[in-house]
N, C-alpha and C. Protein backbone atom coordinates (compact mmCIF):
# COMPACT_ATOMS: atom_id res chain seq x y z
N MET A 1 -11.08 -11.24 47.43
CA MET A 1 -9.78 -11.85 47.16
C MET A 1 -8.89 -10.82 46.47
N ALA A 2 -7.65 -10.83 46.84
CA ALA A 2 -6.69 -9.91 46.23
C ALA A 2 -6.48 -10.27 44.77
N ALA A 3 -6.10 -9.27 44.00
CA ALA A 3 -5.84 -9.51 42.57
C ALA A 3 -4.64 -10.43 42.41
N LEU A 4 -4.75 -11.34 41.50
CA LEU A 4 -3.65 -12.28 41.22
C LEU A 4 -2.74 -11.65 40.18
N THR A 5 -1.59 -11.16 40.64
CA THR A 5 -0.70 -10.42 39.73
C THR A 5 0.66 -11.06 39.55
N GLN A 6 0.98 -12.06 40.38
CA GLN A 6 2.30 -12.68 40.32
C GLN A 6 2.20 -14.09 39.73
N LYS A 7 3.14 -14.42 38.90
CA LYS A 7 3.16 -15.73 38.26
C LYS A 7 4.38 -16.50 38.75
N VAL A 8 4.16 -17.77 39.05
CA VAL A 8 5.24 -18.65 39.48
C VAL A 8 5.24 -19.86 38.57
N GLN A 9 6.41 -20.28 38.15
CA GLN A 9 6.50 -21.46 37.31
C GLN A 9 7.25 -22.53 38.08
N ILE A 10 6.68 -23.74 38.09
CA ILE A 10 7.35 -24.87 38.74
C ILE A 10 7.40 -26.03 37.76
N LEU A 11 8.36 -26.88 37.96
CA LEU A 11 8.48 -28.09 37.15
C LEU A 11 8.17 -29.29 38.04
N LEU A 12 7.32 -30.17 37.53
CA LEU A 12 6.92 -31.37 38.26
C LEU A 12 7.27 -32.60 37.45
N THR A 13 7.36 -33.71 38.14
CA THR A 13 7.49 -34.97 37.41
C THR A 13 6.12 -35.30 36.82
N ASP A 14 6.09 -36.19 35.85
CA ASP A 14 4.81 -36.62 35.29
C ASP A 14 3.90 -37.18 36.37
N GLU A 15 4.49 -37.95 37.29
CA GLU A 15 3.70 -38.56 38.36
C GLU A 15 3.10 -37.50 39.28
N GLN A 16 3.89 -36.50 39.64
CA GLN A 16 3.38 -35.42 40.49
C GLN A 16 2.25 -34.68 39.79
N HIS A 17 2.45 -34.37 38.52
CA HIS A 17 1.45 -33.63 37.76
C HIS A 17 0.16 -34.42 37.66
N GLN A 18 0.26 -35.70 37.34
CA GLN A 18 -0.94 -36.54 37.22
C GLN A 18 -1.65 -36.65 38.58
N ALA A 19 -0.88 -36.80 39.64
CA ALA A 19 -1.48 -36.89 40.98
C ALA A 19 -2.23 -35.61 41.33
N LEU A 20 -1.63 -34.47 41.03
CA LEU A 20 -2.29 -33.20 41.31
C LEU A 20 -3.53 -33.01 40.45
N LEU A 21 -3.44 -33.38 39.18
CA LEU A 21 -4.62 -33.29 38.31
C LEU A 21 -5.75 -34.17 38.84
N GLY A 22 -5.40 -35.37 39.28
CA GLY A 22 -6.41 -36.26 39.84
C GLY A 22 -7.04 -35.70 41.10
N LEU A 23 -6.23 -35.11 41.94
CA LEU A 23 -6.74 -34.51 43.17
C LEU A 23 -7.64 -33.32 42.86
N ALA A 24 -7.20 -32.48 41.94
CA ALA A 24 -8.01 -31.32 41.54
C ALA A 24 -9.35 -31.78 40.97
N LYS A 25 -9.32 -32.79 40.13
CA LYS A 25 -10.55 -33.30 39.53
C LYS A 25 -11.47 -33.87 40.61
N ALA A 26 -10.90 -34.62 41.55
CA ALA A 26 -11.70 -35.21 42.63
C ALA A 26 -12.35 -34.14 43.49
N ARG A 27 -11.69 -33.03 43.64
CA ARG A 27 -12.23 -31.93 44.45
C ARG A 27 -13.08 -30.96 43.62
N GLY A 28 -13.10 -31.18 42.32
CA GLY A 28 -13.89 -30.30 41.47
C GLY A 28 -13.35 -28.89 41.38
N ARG A 29 -12.03 -28.78 41.40
CA ARG A 29 -11.39 -27.46 41.37
C ARG A 29 -10.31 -27.47 40.30
N PRO A 30 -10.04 -26.31 39.73
CA PRO A 30 -8.92 -26.22 38.80
C PRO A 30 -7.59 -26.47 39.53
N LEU A 31 -6.63 -26.99 38.81
CA LEU A 31 -5.32 -27.25 39.39
C LEU A 31 -4.72 -25.97 39.98
N SER A 32 -4.89 -24.85 39.31
CA SER A 32 -4.32 -23.59 39.80
C SER A 32 -4.91 -23.22 41.17
N VAL A 33 -6.20 -23.45 41.35
CA VAL A 33 -6.83 -23.15 42.64
C VAL A 33 -6.29 -24.08 43.72
N LEU A 34 -6.15 -25.35 43.38
CA LEU A 34 -5.60 -26.32 44.32
C LEU A 34 -4.19 -25.90 44.77
N VAL A 35 -3.37 -25.49 43.83
CA VAL A 35 -2.00 -25.08 44.16
C VAL A 35 -2.03 -23.82 45.03
N ARG A 36 -2.87 -22.83 44.68
CA ARG A 36 -2.95 -21.61 45.50
C ARG A 36 -3.42 -21.92 46.92
N GLU A 37 -4.41 -22.81 47.05
CA GLU A 37 -4.89 -23.18 48.38
C GLU A 37 -3.79 -23.85 49.19
N THR A 38 -3.01 -24.67 48.54
CA THR A 38 -1.91 -25.35 49.22
C THR A 38 -0.85 -24.35 49.66
N VAL A 39 -0.58 -23.36 48.84
CA VAL A 39 0.38 -22.31 49.21
C VAL A 39 -0.13 -21.58 50.45
N VAL A 40 -1.40 -21.22 50.46
CA VAL A 40 -1.98 -20.52 51.62
C VAL A 40 -1.88 -21.40 52.87
N GLU A 41 -2.21 -22.68 52.74
CA GLU A 41 -2.11 -23.60 53.88
C GLU A 41 -0.69 -23.62 54.45
N GLN A 42 0.30 -23.65 53.58
CA GLN A 42 1.69 -23.68 54.03
C GLN A 42 2.09 -22.37 54.70
N LEU A 43 1.63 -21.25 54.16
CA LEU A 43 1.94 -19.96 54.76
C LEU A 43 1.30 -19.83 56.14
N VAL A 44 0.07 -20.28 56.27
CA VAL A 44 -0.62 -20.25 57.56
C VAL A 44 0.08 -21.17 58.55
N ALA A 45 0.44 -22.37 58.12
CA ALA A 45 1.14 -23.31 59.00
C ALA A 45 2.46 -22.73 59.49
N GLU A 46 3.18 -22.08 58.62
CA GLU A 46 4.46 -21.47 59.01
C GLU A 46 4.24 -20.32 59.98
N ALA A 47 3.22 -19.50 59.73
CA ALA A 47 2.92 -18.39 60.64
C ALA A 47 2.56 -18.93 62.03
N ARG A 48 1.80 -20.01 62.08
CA ARG A 48 1.45 -20.63 63.37
C ARG A 48 2.70 -21.18 64.06
N ARG A 49 3.56 -21.83 63.29
CA ARG A 49 4.78 -22.39 63.87
C ARG A 49 5.64 -21.28 64.47
N VAL A 50 5.78 -20.18 63.75
CA VAL A 50 6.58 -19.05 64.23
C VAL A 50 5.94 -18.46 65.48
N ALA A 51 4.62 -18.32 65.49
CA ALA A 51 3.93 -17.77 66.66
C ALA A 51 4.10 -18.67 67.88
N LYS A 52 4.00 -19.98 67.68
CA LYS A 52 4.20 -20.92 68.79
C LYS A 52 5.62 -20.85 69.31
N GLN A 53 6.58 -20.77 68.41
CA GLN A 53 7.99 -20.68 68.82
C GLN A 53 8.22 -19.40 69.61
N LYS A 54 7.64 -18.29 69.15
CA LYS A 54 7.80 -17.02 69.85
C LYS A 54 7.18 -17.10 71.24
N ALA A 55 5.97 -17.68 71.33
CA ALA A 55 5.32 -17.82 72.63
C ALA A 55 6.16 -18.69 73.56
N PHE A 56 6.68 -19.78 73.03
CA PHE A 56 7.53 -20.67 73.82
C PHE A 56 8.75 -19.92 74.35
N GLU A 57 9.41 -19.17 73.47
CA GLU A 57 10.60 -18.42 73.89
C GLU A 57 10.26 -17.37 74.94
N GLU A 58 9.09 -16.73 74.80
CA GLU A 58 8.68 -15.75 75.80
C GLU A 58 8.42 -16.41 77.15
N ILE A 59 7.79 -17.58 77.11
CA ILE A 59 7.49 -18.28 78.36
C ILE A 59 8.77 -18.72 79.06
N ILE A 60 9.70 -19.30 78.31
CA ILE A 60 10.92 -19.78 78.98
C ILE A 60 11.83 -18.65 79.42
N SER A 61 11.62 -17.45 78.89
CA SER A 61 12.45 -16.33 79.31
C SER A 61 11.89 -15.63 80.55
N MET A 62 10.68 -16.01 80.97
CA MET A 62 10.08 -15.39 82.14
C MET A 62 10.81 -15.83 83.40
N ALA A 63 10.98 -14.89 84.30
CA ALA A 63 11.61 -15.20 85.58
C ALA A 63 10.49 -15.46 86.59
N LEU A 64 9.94 -16.67 86.54
CA LEU A 64 8.83 -17.02 87.41
C LEU A 64 9.35 -17.72 88.66
N PRO A 65 8.71 -17.44 89.80
CA PRO A 65 9.14 -18.13 91.02
C PRO A 65 8.71 -19.59 90.96
N VAL A 66 9.67 -20.47 91.02
CA VAL A 66 9.37 -21.89 90.97
C VAL A 66 10.08 -22.56 92.14
N ALA A 67 9.29 -23.32 92.91
CA ALA A 67 9.86 -24.03 94.05
C ALA A 67 10.58 -25.28 93.57
N ASP A 68 11.28 -25.92 94.48
CA ASP A 68 11.90 -27.19 94.11
C ASP A 68 10.80 -28.25 94.02
N TRP A 69 11.11 -29.37 93.38
CA TRP A 69 10.08 -30.37 93.08
C TRP A 69 9.37 -30.91 94.32
N PRO A 70 10.04 -31.29 95.39
CA PRO A 70 9.31 -31.82 96.55
C PRO A 70 8.28 -30.82 97.10
N GLU A 71 8.63 -29.55 97.12
CA GLU A 71 7.69 -28.53 97.61
C GLU A 71 6.52 -28.38 96.64
N MET A 72 6.80 -28.36 95.35
CA MET A 72 5.72 -28.23 94.36
C MET A 72 4.80 -29.45 94.42
N GLU A 73 5.38 -30.62 94.57
CA GLU A 73 4.57 -31.84 94.64
C GLU A 73 3.65 -31.80 95.85
N ALA A 74 4.17 -31.34 96.98
CA ALA A 74 3.35 -31.22 98.19
C ALA A 74 2.22 -30.22 97.98
N GLN A 75 2.50 -29.11 97.32
CA GLN A 75 1.45 -28.12 97.04
C GLN A 75 0.37 -28.70 96.15
N ILE A 76 0.77 -29.45 95.15
CA ILE A 76 -0.20 -30.08 94.24
C ILE A 76 -1.06 -31.07 95.00
N GLU A 77 -0.43 -31.88 95.83
CA GLU A 77 -1.18 -32.88 96.59
C GLU A 77 -2.15 -32.20 97.56
N ARG A 78 -1.71 -31.14 98.26
CA ARG A 78 -2.60 -30.41 99.17
C ARG A 78 -3.79 -29.84 98.42
N ALA A 79 -3.54 -29.22 97.28
CA ALA A 79 -4.63 -28.63 96.49
C ALA A 79 -5.60 -29.70 96.03
N HIS A 80 -5.09 -30.85 95.65
CA HIS A 80 -5.95 -31.95 95.21
C HIS A 80 -6.81 -32.45 96.37
N ILE A 81 -6.21 -32.64 97.52
CA ILE A 81 -6.96 -33.11 98.69
C ILE A 81 -8.02 -32.09 99.07
N GLU A 82 -7.67 -30.81 99.08
CA GLU A 82 -8.63 -29.76 99.42
C GLU A 82 -9.78 -29.71 98.42
N SER A 83 -9.49 -29.97 97.15
CA SER A 83 -10.56 -29.92 96.14
C SER A 83 -11.51 -31.11 96.27
N GLN A 84 -11.06 -32.19 96.91
CA GLN A 84 -11.89 -33.38 97.09
C GLN A 84 -12.71 -33.32 98.37
N ALA A 85 -12.34 -32.42 99.29
CA ALA A 85 -13.04 -32.33 100.58
C ALA A 85 -14.45 -31.80 100.38
N PRO A 86 -15.43 -32.36 101.13
CA PRO A 86 -16.81 -31.85 101.03
C PRO A 86 -16.88 -30.41 101.51
N GLN A 87 -17.73 -29.65 100.89
CA GLN A 87 -17.84 -28.22 101.22
C GLN A 87 -18.95 -27.97 102.20
């Protein structure tokens, strides 16, 4: 684990603080560890969201040959029928 060198101060309501203390106690972890784990979870979730968005943008920017719907539907149906035929 990397050295913990940065300090962050946050203000919580009494209810938030008590809820977090209860959660930390239930998990058998110090509150500071619970908060750090939550920060990591959020950073990972954001990185995944950004990666998915980037992949989506790359896919929609591709110039792929796409037929009109009736032709594509016919191709799908033919492929399905062929896959059901005995070999």
